[in-house]
C-alpha atoms as a PDB file:
ATOM      1  CA  MET A   1       9.581  10.476   4.343  1.00  0.00           C
ATOM      2  CA  SER A   2       7.483   8.712   6.979  1.00  0.00           C
ATOM      3  CA  ILE A   3       5.091   5.871   6.152  1.00  0.00           C
ATOM      4  CA  VAL A   4       2.138   8.121   7.058  1.00  0.00           C
ATOM      5  CA  ASP A   5       3.301  10.897   4.699  1.00  0.00           C
ATOM      6  CA  LEU A   6       3.890   8.399   1.936  1.00  0.00           C
ATOM      7  CA  LYS A   7       0.436   6.909   2.349  1.00  0.00           C
ATOM      8  CA  SER A   8      -1.343  10.259   2.376  1.00  0.00           C
ATOM      9  CA  LYS A   9       0.550  11.367  -0.757  1.00  0.00           C
ATOM     10  CA  PHE A  10      -0.282   8.023  -2.341  1.00  0.00           C
ATOM     11  CA  LEU A  11      -3.993   8.451  -1.584  1.00  0.00           C
ATOM     12  CA  LYS A  12      -3.947  11.955  -3.096  1.00  0.00           C
ATOM     13  CA  VAL A  13      -2.711  10.425  -6.349  1.00  0.00           C
ATOM     14  CA  TYR A  14      -5.758   8.120  -6.310  1.00  0.00           C
ATOM     15  CA  ASP A  15      -8.033  11.185  -6.319  1.00  0.00           C
ATOM     16  CA  THR A  16      -6.173  12.666  -9.287  1.00  0.00           C
ATOM     17  CA  LEU A  17      -6.326   9.424 -11.282  1.00  0.00           C
ATOM     18  CA  LYS A  18      -9.987   8.889 -10.463  1.00  0.00           C
ATOM     19  CA  SER A  19     -10.845  12.383 -11.579  1.00  0.00           C
ATOM     20  CA  GLU A  20      -8.997  11.866 -14.884  1.00  0.00           C
ATOM     21  CA  LEU A  21     -10.852   8.605 -15.495  1.00  0.00           C
ATOM     22  CA  ILE A  22     -14.329   9.941 -14.809  1.00  0.00           C
ATOM     23  CA  ASN A  23     -13.588  12.830 -17.153  1.00  0.00           C
ATOM     24  CA  ASP A  24     -11.878  10.725 -19.822  1.00  0.00           C
ATOM     25  CA  PRO A  25     -12.384  12.522 -23.162  1.00  0.00           C
ATOM     26  CA  ALA A  26     -12.735   9.203 -24.991  1.00  0.00           C
ATOM     27  CA  PHE A  27     -16.240   8.773 -23.494  1.00  0.00           C
ATOM     28  CA  GLU A  28     -19.037  11.278 -23.004  1.00  0.00           C
ATOM     29  CA  PHE A  29     -20.016  10.820 -19.381  1.00  0.00           C
ATOM     30  CA  ASP A  30     -23.363  11.958 -18.017  1.00  0.00           C
ATOM     31  CA  ASP A  31     -24.016  12.421 -14.291  1.00  0.00           C
ATOM     32  CA  ASP A  32     -25.322   8.872 -13.797  1.00  0.00           C
ATOM     33  CA  SER A  33     -22.404   7.122 -15.438  1.00  0.00           C
ATOM     34  CA  ARG A  34     -19.873   9.401 -13.791  1.00  0.00           C
ATOM     35  CA  GLN A  35     -21.389   8.770 -10.361  1.00  0.00           C
ATOM     36  CA  TRP A  36     -21.551   5.023 -10.987  1.00  0.00           C
ATOM     37  CA  VAL A  37     -17.873   4.769 -11.902  1.00  0.00           C
ATOM     38  CA  GLU A  38     -16.860   6.976  -8.992  1.00  0.00           C
ATOM     39  CA  LYS A  39     -18.846   4.911  -6.503  1.00  0.00           C
ATOM     40  CA  MET A  40     -17.562   1.679  -8.018  1.00  0.00           C
ATOM     41  CA  LEU A  41     -13.948   2.861  -7.815  1.00  0.00           C
ATOM     42  CA  ASP A  42     -14.247   4.125  -4.246  1.00  0.00           C
ATOM     43  CA  TYR A  43     -15.803   0.828  -3.177  1.00  0.00           C
ATOM     44  CA  ASN A  44     -13.293  -1.485  -4.851  1.00  0.00           C
ATOM     45  CA  VAL A  45      -9.945   0.203  -5.436  1.00  0.00           C
ATOM     46  CA  PRO A  46      -8.603   1.978  -2.336  1.00  0.00           C
ATOM     47  CA  GLY A  47     -10.055  -0.256   0.390  1.00  0.00           C
ATOM     48  CA  GLY A  48      -7.278  -2.783   0.937  1.00  0.00           C
ATOM     49  CA  LYS A  49      -3.938  -2.670   2.707  1.00  0.00           C
ATOM     50  CA  LEU A  50      -2.450  -1.046  -0.430  1.00  0.00           C
ATOM     51  CA  ASN A  51       0.721  -3.095   0.048  1.00  0.00           C
ATOM     52  CA  ARG A  52       1.200  -3.768  -3.643  1.00  0.00           C
ATOM     53  CA  GLY A  53       0.769  -0.156  -4.680  1.00  0.00           C
ATOM     54  CA  LEU A  54       2.862   1.375  -1.925  1.00  0.00           C
ATOM     55  CA  SER A  55       5.671  -1.053  -2.564  1.00  0.00           C
ATOM     56  CA  VAL A  56       6.267   0.441  -6.021  1.00  0.00           C
ATOM     57  CA  VAL A  57       7.067   3.785  -4.359  1.00  0.00           C
ATOM     58  CA  ASP A  58       9.010   2.038  -1.642  1.00  0.00           C
ATOM     59  CA  SER A  59      11.047  -0.023  -4.115  1.00  0.00           C
ATOM     60  CA  TYR A  60      11.779   2.947  -6.334  1.00  0.00           C
ATOM     61  CA  GLN A  61      12.985   4.923  -3.331  1.00  0.00           C
ATOM     62  CA  LEU A  62      15.304   2.092  -2.268  1.00  0.00           C
ATOM     63  CA  LEU A  63      16.675   1.782  -5.826  1.00  0.00           C
ATOM     64  CA  LYS A  64      17.302   5.516  -6.092  1.00  0.00           C
ATOM     65  CA  GLY A  65      18.740   5.685  -2.610  1.00  0.00           C
ATOM     66  CA  GLY A  66      17.752   9.293  -1.942  1.00  0.00           C
ATOM     67  CA  GLU A  67      14.775  11.626  -1.604  1.00  0.00           C
ATOM     68  CA  LEU A  68      12.246  11.420  -4.421  1.00  0.00           C
ATOM     69  CA  THR A  69      11.144  14.434  -6.427  1.00  0.00           C
ATOM     70  CA  ASP A  70       7.402  15.224  -6.471  1.00  0.00           C
ATOM     71  CA  ASP A  71       7.283  13.935 -10.031  1.00  0.00           C
ATOM     72  CA  GLU A  72       8.924  10.642  -9.044  1.00  0.00           C
ATOM     73  CA  ILE A  73       6.503  10.261  -6.146  1.00  0.00           C
ATOM     74  CA  PHE A  74       3.582  10.907  -8.478  1.00  0.00           C
ATOM     75  CA  LEU A  75       4.728   8.519 -11.214  1.00  0.00           C
ATOM     76  CA  SER A  76       5.712   5.676  -8.902  1.00  0.00           C
ATOM     77  CA  SER A  77       2.385   6.140  -7.086  1.00  0.00           C
ATOM     78  CA  ALA A  78       0.500   6.071 -10.404  1.00  0.00           C
ATOM     79  CA  LEU A  79       2.160   2.726 -11.228  1.00  0.00           C
ATOM     80  CA  GLY A  80       1.306   1.506  -7.739  1.00  0.00           C
ATOM     81  CA  TRP A  81      -2.316   2.457  -8.334  1.00  0.00           C
ATOM     82  CA  CYS A  82      -2.298   0.578 -11.656  1.00  0.00           C
ATOM     83  CA  ILE A  83      -1.506  -2.548  -9.649  1.00  0.00           C
ATOM     84  CA  GLU A  84      -4.281  -1.750  -7.162  1.00  0.00           C
ATOM     85  CA  TRP A  85      -6.671  -1.282 -10.106  1.00  0.00           C
ATOM     86  CA  LEU A  86      -5.591  -4.632 -11.549  1.00  0.00           C
ATOM     87  CA  GLN A  87      -6.096  -6.210  -8.148  1.00  0.00           C
ATOM     88  CA  ALA A  88      -9.586  -4.675  -7.847  1.00  0.00           C
ATOM     89  CA  TYR A  89     -10.467  -6.087 -11.257  1.00  0.00           C
ATOM     90  CA  PHE A  90      -9.365  -9.582 -10.247  1.00  0.00           C
ATOM     91  CA  LEU A  91     -11.156  -9.427  -6.902  1.00  0.00           C
ATOM     92  CA  VAL A  92     -14.467  -8.128  -8.232  1.00  0.00           C
ATOM     93  CA  LEU A  93     -14.605 -11.001 -10.731  1.00  0.00           C
ATOM     94  CA  ASP A  94     -13.125 -13.615  -8.365  1.00  0.00           C
ATOM     95  CA  ASP A  95     -15.793 -12.876  -5.788  1.00  0.00           C
ATOM     96  CA  ILE A  96     -18.513 -13.541  -8.371  1.00  0.00           C
ATOM     97  CA  MET A  97     -16.842 -16.808  -9.431  1.00  0.00           C
ATOM     98  CA  ASP A  98     -16.361 -17.963  -5.846  1.00  0.00           C
ATOM     99  CA  GLU A  99     -19.797 -16.768  -4.743  1.00  0.00           C
ATOM    100  CA  SER A 100     -18.072 -14.969  -1.869  1.00  0.00           C
ATOM    101  CA  HIS A 101     -19.953 -12.806   0.603  1.00  0.00           C
ATOM    102  CA  THR A 102     -17.403 -10.475   2.152  1.00  0.00           C
ATOM    103  CA  ARG A 103     -14.193  -8.810   1.061  1.00  0.00           C
ATOM    104  CA  ARG A 104     -12.066  -6.415   3.124  1.00  0.00           C
ATOM    105  CA  GLY A 105     -14.673  -6.502   5.892  1.00  0.00           C
ATOM    106  CA  GLN A 106     -17.598  -5.359   3.711  1.00  0.00           C
ATOM    107  CA  PRO A 107     -20.033  -7.120   1.344  1.00  0.00           C
ATOM    108  CA  CYS A 108     -18.573  -8.055  -2.052  1.00  0.00           C
ATOM    109  CA  TRP A 109     -19.420  -5.464  -4.700  1.00  0.00           C
ATOM    110  CA  PHE A 110     -21.735  -7.795  -6.654  1.00  0.00           C
ATOM    111  CA  ARG A 111     -23.681  -8.529  -3.446  1.00  0.00           C
ATOM    112  CA  LEU A 112     -24.960  -4.948  -3.284  1.00  0.00           C
ATOM    113  CA  PRO A 113     -28.620  -4.973  -4.395  1.00  0.00           C
ATOM    114  CA  LYS A 114     -28.138  -2.270  -7.021  1.00  0.00           C
ATOM    115  CA  VAL A 115     -25.047  -3.927  -8.464  1.00  0.00           C
ATOM    116  CA  GLY A 116     -25.498  -7.662  -9.032  1.00  0.00           C
ATOM    117  CA  MET A 117     -24.122  -8.794 -12.388  1.00  0.00           C
ATOM    118  CA  ILE A 118     -23.293  -5.252 -13.473  1.00  0.00           C
ATOM    119  CA  ALA A 119     -20.176  -6.089 -11.424  1.00  0.00           C
ATOM    120  CA  ALA A 120     -18.946  -8.246 -14.329  1.00  0.00           C
ATOM    121  CA  ASN A 121     -18.830  -5.211 -16.598  1.00  0.00           C
ATOM    122  CA  ASP A 122     -17.353  -3.129 -13.775  1.00  0.00           C
ATOM    123  CA  GLY A 123     -14.515  -5.653 -13.657  1.00  0.00           C
ATOM    124  CA  ILE A 124     -13.908  -5.116 -17.380  1.00  0.00           C
ATOM    125  CA  LEU A 125     -13.933  -1.336 -16.808  1.00  0.00           C
ATOM    126  CA  LEU A 126     -11.390  -1.627 -13.996  1.00  0.00           C
ATOM    127  CA  ARG A 127      -9.152  -3.618 -16.320  1.00  0.00           C
ATOM    128  CA  ASN A 128      -9.494  -0.948 -19.003  1.00  0.00           C
ATOM    129  CA  HIS A 129      -8.594   1.845 -16.633  1.00  0.00           C
ATOM    130  CA  VAL A 130      -5.027   0.539 -16.354  1.00  0.00           C
ATOM    131  CA  PRO A 131      -3.972   1.319 -19.955  1.00  0.00           C
ATOM    132  CA  ARG A 132      -5.755   4.687 -19.702  1.00  0.00           C
ATOM    133  CA  ILE A 133      -3.623   5.609 -16.678  1.00  0.00           C
ATOM    134  CA  LEU A 134      -0.457   4.344 -18.353  1.00  0.00           C
ATOM    135  CA  LYS A 135      -1.236   6.293 -21.518  1.00  0.00           C
ATOM    136  CA  ASN A 136      -2.040   9.500 -19.623  1.00  0.00           C
ATOM    137  CA  HIS A 137       1.194   9.555 -17.658  1.00  0.00           C
ATOM    138  CA  PHE A 138       3.812   7.359 -19.341  1.00  0.00           C
ATOM    139  CA  ARG A 139       3.130   7.704 -23.082  1.00  0.00           C
ATOM    140  CA  GLY A 140       6.315   9.714 -23.655  1.00  0.00           C
ATOM    141  CA  LYS A 141       8.635   7.637 -21.481  1.00  0.00           C
ATOM    142  CA  PRO A 142      11.279   5.372 -23.020  1.00  0.00           C
ATOM    143  CA  TYR A 143       9.997   2.457 -20.931  1.00  0.00           C
ATOM    144  CA  TYR A 144       6.316   2.890 -21.925  1.00  0.00           C
ATOM    145  CA  VAL A 145       6.141  -0.156 -24.213  1.00  0.00           C
ATOM    146  CA  ASP A 146       7.879  -2.288 -21.585  1.00  0.00           C
ATOM    147  CA  LEU A 147       5.334  -1.178 -18.975  1.00  0.00           C
ATOM    148  CA  VAL A 148       2.365  -2.035 -21.172  1.00  0.00           C
ATOM    149  CA  ASP A 149       3.955  -5.398 -22.008  1.00  0.00           C
ATOM    150  CA  LEU A 150       4.622  -6.085 -18.344  1.00  0.00           C
ATOM    151  CA  PHE A 151       1.038  -5.428 -17.273  1.00  0.00           C
ATOM    152  CA  ASN A 152      -0.320  -7.511 -20.165  1.00  0.00           C
ATOM    153  CA  GLU A 153       1.962 -10.428 -19.421  1.00  0.00           C
ATOM    154  CA  VAL A 154       1.301 -10.439 -15.690  1.00  0.00           C
ATOM    155  CA  GLU A 155      -2.442 -10.239 -16.266  1.00  0.00           C
ATOM    156  CA  PHE A 156      -2.220 -13.237 -18.606  1.00  0.00           C
ATOM    157  CA  GLN A 157      -0.232 -15.199 -16.011  1.00  0.00           C
ATOM    158  CA  THR A 158      -2.719 -14.325 -13.275  1.00  0.00           C
ATOM    159  CA  ALA A 159      -5.789 -15.249 -15.318  1.00  0.00           C
ATOM    160  CA  SER A 160      -4.115 -18.537 -16.283  1.00  0.00           C
ATOM    161  CA  GLY A 161      -3.336 -19.233 -12.628  1.00  0.00           C
ATOM    162  CA  GLN A 162      -6.967 -18.553 -11.775  1.00  0.00           C
ATOM    163  CA  MET A 163      -7.924 -21.042 -14.492  1.00  0.00           C
ATOM    164  CA  ILE A 164      -5.764 -23.828 -13.026  1.00  0.00           C
ATOM    165  CA  ASP A 165      -7.290 -23.035  -9.635  1.00  0.00           C
ATOM    166  CA  LEU A 166     -10.852 -23.182 -10.969  1.00  0.00           C
ATOM    167  CA  ILE A 167     -10.463 -26.353 -13.007  1.00  0.00           C
ATOM    168  CA  THR A 168      -8.588 -28.113 -10.205  1.00  0.00           C
ATOM    169  CA  THR A 169     -11.347 -27.300  -7.723  1.00  0.00           C
ATOM    170  CA  LEU A 170     -14.177 -28.284 -10.102  1.00  0.00           C
ATOM    171  CA  VAL A 171     -17.116 -28.937  -7.826  1.00  0.00           C
ATOM    172  CA  GLY A 172     -18.548 -31.606 -10.127  1.00  0.00           C
ATOM    173  CA  GLU A 173     -15.688 -33.994  -9.536  1.00  0.00           C
ATOM    174  CA  LYS A 174     -14.250 -33.439  -6.096  1.00  0.00           C
ATOM    175  CA  ASP A 175     -11.048 -35.387  -6.263  1.00  0.00           C
ATOM    176  CA  LEU A 176      -8.560 -34.676  -3.487  1.00  0.00           C
ATOM    177  CA  SER A 177      -6.000 -36.980  -5.081  1.00  0.00           C
ATOM    178  CA  LYS A 178      -5.392 -34.239  -7.690  1.00  0.00           C
ATOM    179  CA  TYR A 179      -3.969 -32.053  -4.933  1.00  0.00           C
ATOM    180  CA  SER A 180      -0.237 -32.000  -4.308  1.00  0.00           C
ATOM    181  CA  LEU A 181       2.421 -29.472  -3.338  1.00  0.00           C
ATOM    182  CA  SER A 182       3.442 -29.082  -6.985  1.00  0.00           C
ATOM    183  CA  VAL A 183      -0.143 -28.309  -8.064  1.00  0.00           C
ATOM    184  CA  HIS A 184      -0.475 -25.861  -5.172  1.00  0.00           C
ATOM    185  CA  ARG A 185       2.796 -24.235  -6.153  1.00  0.00           C
ATOM    186  CA  ARG A 186       1.822 -23.745  -9.790  1.00  0.00           C
ATOM    187  CA  ILE A 187      -1.515 -22.196  -8.884  1.00  0.00           C
ATOM    188  CA  VAL A 188       0.112 -19.844  -6.401  1.00  0.00           C
ATOM    189  CA  GLN A 189       2.983 -18.867  -8.648  1.00  0.00           C
ATOM    190  CA  TYR A 190       0.716 -17.803 -11.493  1.00  0.00           C
ATOM    191  CA  LYS A 191      -2.363 -16.663  -9.638  1.00  0.00           C
ATOM    192  CA  THR A 192      -0.705 -14.615  -6.908  1.00  0.00           C
ATOM    193  CA  ALA A 193       3.066 -14.311  -6.984  1.00  0.00           C
ATOM    194  CA  TYR A 194       3.544 -12.571 -10.329  1.00  0.00           C
ATOM    195  CA  TYR A 195       1.113  -9.734  -9.797  1.00  0.00           C
ATOM    196  CA  SER A 196       1.525  -9.300  -6.053  1.00  0.00           C
ATOM    197  CA  PHE A 197       5.279  -9.617  -5.740  1.00  0.00           C
ATOM    198  CA  TYR A 198       7.077  -9.407  -9.056  1.00  0.00           C
ATOM    199  CA  LEU A 199       4.914  -6.693 -10.650  1.00  0.00           C
ATOM    200  CA  PRO A 200       5.537  -3.893  -8.087  1.00  0.00           C
ATOM    201  CA  VAL A 201       9.303  -4.384  -8.178  1.00  0.00           C
ATOM    202  CA  ALA A 202       9.343  -4.744 -11.979  1.00  0.00           C
ATOM    203  CA  CYS A 203       7.477  -1.407 -12.250  1.00  0.00           C
ATOM    204  CA  ALA A 204      10.068   0.281 -10.033  1.00  0.00           C
ATOM    205  CA  LEU A 205      12.946  -1.268 -12.014  1.00  0.00           C
ATOM    206  CA  LEU A 206      11.516  -0.085 -15.348  1.00  0.00           C
ATOM    207  CA  MET A 207      10.969   3.415 -14.000  1.00  0.00           C
ATOM    208  CA  PHE A 208      14.550   3.395 -12.756  1.00  0.00           C
ATOM    209  CA  GLY A 209      15.710   2.606 -16.304  1.00  0.00           C
ATOM    210  CA  GLU A 210      16.580  -1.054 -15.762  1.00  0.00           C
ATOM    211  CA  ASP A 211      16.163  -3.864 -18.287  1.00  0.00           C
ATOM    212  CA  LEU A 212      13.920  -6.591 -16.836  1.00  0.00           C
ATOM    213  CA  ASP A 213      15.662  -9.343 -18.817  1.00  0.00           C
ATOM    214  CA  LYS A 214      18.721  -8.706 -16.661  1.00  0.00           C
ATOM    215  CA  HIS A 215      16.752  -9.340 -13.468  1.00  0.00           C
ATOM    216  CA  VAL A 216      15.515 -12.907 -13.825  1.00  0.00           C
ATOM    217  CA  GLU A 217      17.032 -13.760 -10.439  1.00  0.00           C
ATOM    218  CA  VAL A 218      14.993 -10.990  -8.795  1.00  0.00           C
ATOM    219  CA  LYS A 219      11.869 -12.402 -10.415  1.00  0.00           C
ATOM    220  CA  ASN A 220      12.663 -15.875  -9.040  1.00  0.00           C
ATOM    221  CA  VAL A 221      13.173 -14.628  -5.487  1.00  0.00           C
ATOM    222  CA  LEU A 222       9.929 -12.626  -5.622  1.00  0.00           C
ATOM    223  CA  VAL A 223       7.970 -15.601  -6.954  1.00  0.00           C
ATOM    224  CA  GLU A 224       9.359 -17.656  -4.064  1.00  0.00           C
ATOM    225  CA  MET A 225       8.265 -14.925  -1.693  1.00  0.00           C
ATOM    226  CA  GLY A 226       4.829 -14.945  -3.266  1.00  0.00           C
ATOM    227  CA  THR A 227       4.570 -18.675  -2.655  1.00  0.00           C
ATOM    228  CA  TYR A 228       5.479 -18.174   0.975  1.00  0.00           C
ATOM    229  CA  PHE A 229       2.907 -15.370   1.217  1.00  0.00           C
ATOM    230  CA  GLN A 230       0.141 -17.593  -0.166  1.00  0.00           C
ATOM    231  CA  VAL A 231       0.975 -20.409   2.241  1.00  0.00           C
ATOM    232  CA  GLN A 232       0.558 -17.841   5.037  1.00  0.00           C
ATOM    233  CA  ASP A 233      -2.743 -16.837   3.463  1.00  0.00           C
ATOM    234  CA  ASP A 234      -3.930 -20.459   3.390  1.00  0.00           C
ATOM    235  CA  TYR A 235      -2.903 -20.815   7.001  1.00  0.00           C
ATOM    236  CA  LEU A 236      -4.672 -17.619   8.078  1.00  0.00           C
ATOM    237  CA  ASP A 237      -7.810 -18.626   6.169  1.00  0.00           C
ATOM    238  CA  CYS A 238      -8.196 -21.438   8.662  1.00  0.00           C
ATOM    239  CA  PHE A 239      -6.336 -20.298  11.797  1.00  0.00           C
ATOM    240  CA  GLY A 240      -6.558 -16.489  11.547  1.00  0.00           C
ATOM    241  CA  THR A 241      -9.201 -14.412  13.338  1.00  0.00           C
ATOM    242  CA  PRO A 242     -11.836 -13.019  10.941  1.00  0.00           C
ATOM    243  CA  GLU A 243     -11.791  -9.661  12.777  1.00  0.00           C
ATOM    244  CA  VAL A 244      -8.085  -9.359  12.106  1.00  0.00           C
ATOM    245  CA  ILE A 245      -7.901 -10.663   8.529  1.00  0.00           C
ATOM    246  CA  GLY A 246     -11.085  -8.862   7.413  1.00  0.00           C
ATOM    247  CA  LYS A 247     -12.671 -11.881   5.786  1.00  0.00           C
ATOM    248  CA  ILE A 248     -14.251 -15.170   6.776  1.00  0.00           C
ATOM    249  CA  GLY A 249     -12.164 -18.044   5.476  1.00  0.00           C
ATOM    250  CA  THR A 250     -13.993 -20.509   3.206  1.00  0.00           C
ATOM    251  CA  ASP A 251     -11.179 -22.598   1.730  1.00  0.00           C
ATOM    252  CA  ILE A 252     -12.447 -25.818   3.322  1.00  0.00           C
ATOM    253  CA  GLU A 253     -16.047 -25.307   2.138  1.00  0.00           C
ATOM    254  CA  ASP A 254     -14.835 -24.254  -1.313  1.00  0.00           C
ATOM    255  CA  PHE A 255     -12.690 -27.357  -1.775  1.00  0.00           C
ATOM    256  CA  LYS A 256      -9.661 -25.126  -2.345  1.00  0.00           C
ATOM    257  CA  CYS A 257      -6.237 -26.537  -3.110  1.00  0.00           C
ATOM    258  CA  SER A 258      -4.913 -25.050   0.108  1.00  0.00           C
ATOM    259  CA  TRP A 259      -1.441 -25.718   1.471  1.00  0.00           C
ATOM    260  CA  LEU A 260      -3.112 -27.050   4.625  1.00  0.00           C
ATOM    261  CA  VAL A 261      -5.095 -29.754   2.857  1.00  0.00           C
ATOM    262  CA  VAL A 262      -2.066 -30.737   0.770  1.00  0.00           C
ATOM    263  CA  LYS A 263       0.037 -31.078   3.927  1.00  0.00           C
ATOM    264  CA  ALA A 264      -2.770 -32.904   5.729  1.00  0.00           C
ATOM    265  CA  LEU A 265      -2.936 -35.436   2.889  1.00  0.00           C
ATOM    266  CA  GLU A 266       0.829 -35.923   3.126  1.00  0.00           C
ATOM    267  CA  LEU A 267       0.774 -36.507   6.892  1.00  0.00           C
ATOM    268  CA  ALA A 268      -2.506 -38.403   7.288  1.00  0.00           C
ATOM    269  CA  ASN A 269      -2.869 -42.141   7.733  1.00  0.00           C
ATOM    270  CA  GLU A 270      -5.344 -44.043   5.522  1.00  0.00           C
ATOM    271  CA  GLU A 271      -8.226 -43.573   7.944  1.00  0.00           C
ATOM    272  CA  GLN A 272      -7.605 -39.827   8.233  1.00  0.00           C
ATOM    273  CA  LYS A 273      -7.327 -39.539   4.449  1.00  0.00           C
ATOM    274  CA  LYS A 274     -10.691 -41.216   4.050  1.00  0.00           C
ATOM    275  CA  PHE A 275     -12.081 -38.821   6.663  1.00  0.00           C
ATOM    276  CA  LEU A 276     -10.732 -35.837   4.686  1.00  0.00           C
ATOM    277  CA  HIS A 277     -12.219 -37.157   1.446  1.00  0.00           C
ATOM    278  CA  GLU A 278     -15.581 -37.389   3.182  1.00  0.00           C
ATOM    279  CA  ASN A 279     -15.576 -33.968   4.830  1.00  0.00           C
ATOM    280  CA  TYR A 280     -13.473 -31.617   2.716  1.00  0.00           C
ATOM    281  CA  GLY A 281     -15.421 -29.292   0.421  1.00  0.00           C
ATOM    282  CA  LYS A 282     -18.719 -29.709   2.256  1.00  0.00           C
ATOM    283  CA  LYS A 283     -20.724 -26.578   3.006  1.00  0.00           C
ATOM    284  CA  ASP A 284     -22.141 -27.677   6.345  1.00  0.00           C
ATOM    285  CA  PRO A 285     -20.378 -26.220   9.414  1.00  0.00           C
ATOM    286  CA  ALA A 286     -20.077 -29.618  11.129  1.00  0.00           C
ATOM    287  CA  SER A 287     -17.883 -30.997   8.319  1.00  0.00           C
ATOM    288  CA  VAL A 288     -15.771 -27.845   8.313  1.00  0.00           C
ATOM    289  CA  ALA A 289     -15.262 -28.148  12.063  1.00  0.00           C
ATOM    290  CA  LYS A 290     -14.232 -31.791  11.639  1.00  0.00           C
ATOM    291  CA  VAL A 291     -11.625 -30.862   9.038  1.00  0.00           C
ATOM    292  CA  LYS A 292     -10.235 -28.140  11.326  1.00  0.00           C
ATOM    293  CA  GLU A 293     -10.109 -30.637  14.138  1.00  0.00           C
ATOM    294  CA  LEU A 294      -8.090 -33.006  11.970  1.00  0.00           C
ATOM    295  CA  TYR A 295      -5.726 -30.125  11.124  1.00  0.00           C
ATOM    296  CA  HIS A 296      -5.182 -29.669  14.870  1.00  0.00           C
ATOM    297  CA  THR A 297      -4.673 -33.392  15.394  1.00  0.00           C
ATOM    298  CA  LEU A 298      -2.036 -33.441  12.650  1.00  0.00           C
ATOM    299  CA  ASN A 299      -0.405 -30.443  14.349  1.00  0.00           C
ATOM    300  CA  LEU A 300      -0.444 -28.352  11.169  1.00  0.00           C
ATOM    301  CA  GLN A 301       0.215 -25.183  13.170  1.00  0.00           C
ATOM    302  CA  ALA A 302       3.663 -26.488  14.103  1.00  0.00           C
ATOM    303  CA  VAL A 303       4.240 -27.786  10.563  1.00  0.00           C
ATOM    304  CA  PHE A 304       3.449 -24.293   9.274  1.00  0.00           C
ATOM    305  CA  GLU A 305       5.777 -22.617  11.765  1.00  0.00           C
ATOM    306  CA  ASP A 306       8.525 -24.938  10.633  1.00  0.00           C
ATOM    307  CA  TYR A 307       7.780 -24.130   6.973  1.00  0.00           C
ATOM    308  CA  GLU A 308       7.823 -20.415   7.800  1.00  0.00           C
ATOM    309  CA  ALA A 309      11.242 -20.570   9.455  1.00  0.00           C
ATOM    310  CA  THR A 310      12.790 -22.654   6.657  1.00  0.00           C
ATOM    311  CA  SER A 311      11.361 -20.435   3.895  1.00  0.00           C
ATOM    312  CA  TYR A 312      12.611 -17.323   5.599  1.00  0.00           C
ATOM    313  CA  LYS A 313      16.150 -18.699   5.868  1.00  0.00           C
ATOM    314  CA  LYS A 314      16.149 -19.759   2.213  1.00  0.00           C
ATOM    315  CA  LEU A 315      14.858 -16.375   1.052  1.00  0.00           C
ATOM    316  CA  ILE A 316      17.424 -14.430   3.076  1.00  0.00           C
ATOM    317  CA  THR A 317      20.217 -16.566   1.599  1.00  0.00           C
ATOM    318  CA  SER A 318      18.951 -15.993  -1.991  1.00  0.00           C
ATOM    319  CA  ILE A 319      18.649 -12.268  -1.375  1.00  0.00           C
ATOM    320  CA  GLU A 320      22.130 -11.951   0.077  1.00  0.00           C
ATOM    321  CA  ASN A 321      23.561 -13.595  -3.020  1.00  0.00           C
ATOM    322  CA  HIS A 322      22.382 -10.665  -5.127  1.00  0.00           C
ATOM    323  CA  PRO A 323      25.233  -8.434  -6.366  1.00  0.00           C
ATOM    324  CA  SER A 324      23.398  -5.108  -5.939  1.00  0.00           C
ATOM    325  CA  LYS A 325      22.926  -3.780  -2.406  1.00  0.00           C
ATOM    326  CA  ALA A 326      20.021  -1.584  -3.578  1.00  0.00           C
ATOM    327  CA  VAL A 327      18.174  -4.585  -5.002  1.00  0.00           C
ATOM    328  CA  GLN A 328      18.919  -6.525  -1.805  1.00  0.00           C
ATOM    329  CA  ALA A 329      17.313  -3.681   0.155  1.00  0.00           C
ATOM    330  CA  VAL A 330      14.189  -3.834  -2.023  1.00  0.00           C
ATOM    331  CA  LEU A 331      13.855  -7.586  -1.565  1.00  0.00           C
ATOM    332  CA  LYS A 332      14.514  -7.459   2.181  1.00  0.00           C
ATOM    333  CA  SER A 333      11.961  -4.690   2.597  1.00  0.00           C
ATOM    334  CA  PHE A 334       9.383  -6.933   0.912  1.00  0.00           C
ATOM    335  CA  LEU A 335      10.249  -9.893   3.070  1.00  0.00           C
ATOM    336  CA  GLY A 336      10.132  -7.775   6.222  1.00  0.00           C
ATOM    337  CA  LYS A 337       6.561  -6.735   5.416  1.00  0.00           C
ATOM    338  CA  ILE A 338       5.236 -10.269   5.199  1.00  0.00           C
ATOM    339  CA  TYR A 339       7.304 -12.309   7.647  1.00  0.00           C
ATOM    340  CA  LYS A 340       5.122 -13.526  10.541  1.00  0.00           C
ATOM    341  CA  ARG A 341       2.199 -11.343   9.448  1.00  0.00           C
ATOM    342  CA  GLN A 342      -1.207 -11.798  11.120  1.00  0.00           C
ATOM    343  CA  LYS A 343      -3.352 -10.442   8.294  1.00  0.00           C
END
């Protein structure tokens, strides 16, 4: 099945799930509440690249190695949408915490005049939609408990990663000396890699009848891939074009523990370090420009390209060590999607 077919089938499943949720018998909806949830879902859930969701279907197809039945397409899509729902929940709340302005090329949900802090409760609702979807479609499956456990565990890891990120970037005490590659790695691993990379493949493996405890190596490779993905993200935040990436990067202003600043600190001389300490995390555009200029001086674009090439080689080697050709195909498909991406 072509990518276009897959995506249109995937989007149809969103409509089905949405309709089930806004008619959930556990709550008596009236027109206002039903319309609110529908508008909130349409604004926050399907707007992204849908990579995480589609890759559940993709991974399942590669594991099965043949055409999928309509039921398999529906179920793997439903799991994919659970990840997109989880993602929407994180992003809605993250944007409030970070005081962001745009997301996916449109204003953040909480920035809409009618929304404001209602967005906090919307985030909680999004989170609660995931177990509703799982219950509606997977309650009778032998892997149901494992699925629920998986989503709970990954959510816990992600929220804990967000916590390390937030307390490391505490505005009150801007201390760049706290930032190192190991700190960056821990934040990334927990905040991004588990839910963006491991979760979609783990969903496909469970649906395929596999035991996740037997796939620790797969988890490790995917977490590595997630780290690589986030380094790309940090790079694009500064060097990407806003029109292409759909958001205006604010890592420098926000004093983020970005791979770029960590590398800059490693490569800088004392004078440049002092300069970074003075200008990093400042809101004014002049300071931001100065930091970017220092990044250019330190030739971080070349350093990144070098990192990209090395990571890719290491990942390919790890993947090719895996005994199962089907699993190798899943992992290579993932890597192919993100290698040298521009957005």
